Protein backbone atom coordinates (compact mmCIF):
# COMPACT_ATOMS: atom_id res chain seq x y z
CA MET A 1 145.38 118.80 109.41
CA THR A 2 145.87 122.57 108.16
CA ILE A 3 149.13 124.20 106.87
CA GLU A 4 149.15 126.18 109.98
CA GLU A 5 148.33 123.20 111.93
CA ALA A 6 150.96 121.36 109.62
CA GLN A 7 153.82 123.91 110.82
CA LYS A 8 152.87 123.97 114.57
CA THR A 9 153.20 120.08 114.43
CA VAL A 10 156.46 120.33 112.93
CA ASP A 11 157.76 123.15 115.26
CA THR A 12 156.89 120.93 118.12
CA TRP A 13 157.98 117.64 116.72
CA ILE A 14 161.28 119.82 115.93
CA THR A 15 162.02 121.34 119.47
CA THR A 16 161.16 117.86 121.45
CA THR A 17 161.62 115.09 119.46
CA GLY A 18 164.43 116.26 117.09
CA VAL A 19 166.21 119.49 119.14
CA ARG A 20 166.19 122.09 117.15
CA TYR A 21 166.22 122.70 113.64
CA PHE A 22 168.77 121.62 111.21
CA ASN A 23 170.24 124.94 109.22
CA GLU A 24 169.36 125.98 106.25
CA LEU A 25 171.64 125.05 104.15
CA THR A 26 171.35 120.98 105.65
CA ASN A 27 167.76 121.45 105.02
CA LEU A 28 168.47 122.50 101.55
CA ALA A 29 170.55 119.20 101.37
CA ILE A 30 168.08 117.11 102.77
CA LEU A 31 164.99 118.27 101.04
CA THR A 32 167.43 117.56 97.54
CA GLU A 33 168.08 113.94 98.98
CA GLU A 34 164.17 113.67 99.69
CA VAL A 35 162.90 114.91 96.46
CA GLY A 36 165.60 112.37 94.67
CA GLU A 37 163.76 110.15 96.46
CA VAL A 38 160.30 110.93 95.15
CA ALA A 39 161.75 110.76 91.69
CA ARG A 40 163.57 107.58 92.41
CA LEU A 41 160.44 106.11 92.90
CA ILE A 42 158.15 107.58 90.40
CA SER A 43 160.81 106.46 87.74
CA ARG A 44 160.21 102.64 88.61
CA GLN A 45 156.73 103.19 89.23
CA TYR A 46 155.27 105.06 86.34
CA GLY A 47 158.30 104.79 84.54
CA GLU A 48 160.71 102.15 82.61
CA GLN A 49 163.11 101.34 85.24
CA SER A 50 163.03 98.40 87.21
CA PHE A 51 162.64 98.01 90.66
CA LYS A 52 165.98 97.35 92.94
CA GLU A 53 166.06 95.14 95.64
CA SER A 54 166.53 98.24 98.15
CA ASP A 55 163.17 100.04 96.79
CA LYS A 56 161.30 97.18 98.29
CA GLY A 57 158.73 98.75 100.81
CA ARG A 58 159.30 102.14 99.90
CA GLU A 59 155.94 104.07 99.30
CA LEU A 60 155.24 107.46 97.29
CA GLY A 61 152.79 109.06 99.93
CA ASP A 62 155.89 108.00 102.80
CA GLU A 63 157.92 109.56 100.32
CA LEU A 64 156.09 113.02 99.60
CA ALA A 65 155.62 113.24 103.21
CA ASP A 66 159.26 113.53 103.90
CA VAL A 67 159.44 116.65 101.13
CA LEU A 68 156.65 118.05 102.56
CA PHE A 69 158.53 117.84 106.12
CA VAL A 70 161.34 119.46 104.97
CA VAL A 71 159.55 121.94 102.93
CA ILE A 72 157.75 123.08 105.94
CA CYS A 73 160.86 123.16 108.30
CA LEU A 74 162.41 125.31 105.94
CA ALA A 75 159.41 127.46 106.25
CA ASN A 76 159.43 127.71 109.93
CA GLN A 77 163.14 128.20 110.29
CA THR A 78 162.59 131.34 107.45
CA GLY A 79 159.42 132.71 109.43
CA ILE A 80 157.10 131.71 106.56
CA ASP A 81 153.55 131.60 106.87
CA LEU A 82 152.75 128.73 104.21
CA THR A 83 148.98 129.36 104.40
CA ASP A 84 149.76 132.88 103.03
CA ALA A 85 152.74 131.98 100.99
CA LEU A 86 150.64 129.17 98.72
CA ALA A 87 146.91 131.63 98.80
CA ARG A 88 149.21 134.75 97.37
CA ASN A 89 151.49 131.88 95.08
CA LEU A 90 148.15 130.46 93.40
CA ALA A 91 146.65 134.12 93.15
CA LYS A 92 149.44 134.96 91.34
CA LYS A 93 149.41 131.62 88.60
CA THR A 94 145.65 132.02 88.30
CA GLN A 95 145.72 135.60 87.03
CA ARG A 96 149.32 134.58 84.86
CA ASP A 97 147.85 131.53 83.88
CA SER A 98 144.15 132.38 83.25
CA GLN A 99 144.37 131.83 79.87
CA ARG A 100 147.30 130.15 79.18
CA HIS A 101 146.80 127.06 79.75
CA HIS A 102 143.14 126.82 77.49
CA ASN A 103 145.05 128.12 74.41
CA ASN A 104 147.53 125.14 74.92
CA ASP A 105 146.99 122.49 72.01
CA LYS A 106 149.15 119.84 73.78
CA LEU A 107 146.83 119.83 76.50
CA LYS A 108 143.53 119.35 74.34
C-alpha cells in the first residue's frame, strides 16, 4: 500500500465505520496515548522493564500501526499530502545531514 492509498483507505474507514474525524486536538491527544503505548512496549521488549499482565498480547507492529493511523488522520483532516511531505522532509534531511552523521564518532 502506498502512502497515498493509506490516506484514502483511512479516510474511507473514518467516513464509514468511524462516522467522522475527531477534532485535531483530540487526535493529538490520541496520538500521544498511542506513542506512549509504543514506548511502554519497547521499554519492556528491549529495555530493562519487566512485562505486566496488562502487556500480554500486545505487539509492536500493531502499536506502531495505531500511531501511523492517527498520523494519517491528522494529515487527512489538515489537508497534508504525506507522500509529498515525506519527500520534501527527506530532501531537507539529506541536504542538512549529508556529512553530519558520517562525521559523528559515536556512530562508528
